[in-house]
């Protein structure tokens, strides 16, 4: 089945079923996004642990740009 055939079959569904399908796909996408975030976080933690990387609050002390912003020439 081609993508166009799938789209055509979806468009032939009653509106209530199209809405249900859209909600279902949105939920699945959100679940996947959450899984990807969690997997990424776990991988980050693993690398930090395996590499023996230790960071403290001092590492972030001067991270923020405290300037008032850029000058604008009018």
Protein backbone atom coordinates (compact mmCIF):
# COMPACT_ATOMS: atom_id res chain seq x y z
CA UNK A 1 0.00 0.00 0.00
CA UNK A 2 1.43 3.37 -0.97
CA UNK A 3 1.40 6.44 1.23
CA UNK A 4 -1.20 8.06 -1.02
CA UNK A 5 -3.44 5.00 -0.68
CA UNK A 6 -3.13 5.19 3.09
CA UNK A 7 -4.02 8.88 3.05
CA UNK A 8 -7.00 8.21 0.80
CA UNK A 9 -8.25 5.44 3.08
CA UNK A 10 -7.91 7.71 6.12
CA UNK A 11 -9.80 10.48 4.36
CA UNK A 12 -12.60 8.03 3.61
CA UNK A 13 -13.08 7.31 7.33
CA UNK A 14 -15.86 9.03 9.27
CA UNK A 15 -14.71 12.20 11.07
CA UNK A 16 -14.94 10.55 14.51
CA UNK A 17 -12.57 7.78 13.43
CA UNK A 18 -10.17 10.29 11.87
CA UNK A 19 -10.14 12.21 15.16
CA UNK A 20 -9.50 9.01 17.10
CA UNK A 21 -6.62 8.11 14.77
CA UNK A 22 -5.10 11.57 15.11
CA UNK A 23 -5.30 11.38 18.91
CA UNK A 24 -3.78 7.90 18.88
CA UNK A 25 -0.87 8.97 16.68
CA UNK A 26 -0.25 12.09 18.79
CA UNK A 27 -0.10 10.00 21.97
CA UNK A 28 2.28 7.53 20.35
CA UNK A 29 4.53 10.37 19.23
CA UNK A 30 4.60 11.83 22.75
CA UNK A 31 5.41 8.41 24.23
CA UNK A 32 8.25 7.98 21.76
CA UNK A 33 9.57 11.46 22.52
CA UNK A 34 9.58 10.65 26.22
CA UNK A 35 11.35 7.35 25.59
CA UNK A 36 13.98 9.05 23.48
CA UNK A 37 14.58 11.66 26.16
CA UNK A 38 14.89 9.01 28.84
CA UNK A 39 17.27 6.91 26.73
CA UNK A 40 19.37 9.99 26.01
CA UNK A 41 19.52 10.89 29.69
CA UNK A 42 20.53 7.35 30.63
CA UNK A 43 23.26 7.38 27.95
CA UNK A 44 24.54 10.75 29.21
CA UNK A 45 24.66 9.47 32.78
CA UNK A 46 26.45 6.32 31.65
CA UNK A 47 29.13 8.28 29.78
CA UNK A 48 29.65 10.59 32.77
CA UNK A 49 30.04 7.60 35.07
CA UNK A 50 32.27 5.57 32.72
CA UNK A 51 34.55 8.51 31.99
CA UNK A 52 34.80 9.41 35.66
CA UNK A 53 33.67 12.95 34.96
CA UNK A 54 32.87 14.92 38.08
CA UNK A 55 31.41 18.40 37.99
CA UNK A 56 30.45 20.73 40.80
CA UNK A 57 28.63 24.02 41.19
CA UNK A 58 31.94 25.78 40.57
CA UNK A 59 31.89 24.49 37.00
CA UNK A 60 28.72 26.48 36.39
CA UNK A 61 29.65 29.58 38.40
CA UNK A 62 30.46 31.90 35.47
CA UNK A 63 28.26 30.26 32.88
CA UNK A 64 25.63 32.99 32.79
CA UNK A 65 26.18 36.08 30.68
CA UNK A 66 25.52 38.94 33.07
CA UNK A 67 25.72 41.70 30.46
CA UNK A 68 22.70 43.93 29.94
CA UNK A 69 22.59 43.03 26.27
CA UNK A 70 23.82 44.43 23.04
CA UNK A 71 23.84 48.09 22.09
CA UNK A 72 21.45 49.17 19.37
CA UNK A 73 22.52 51.90 16.97
CA UNK A 74 19.47 53.78 15.71
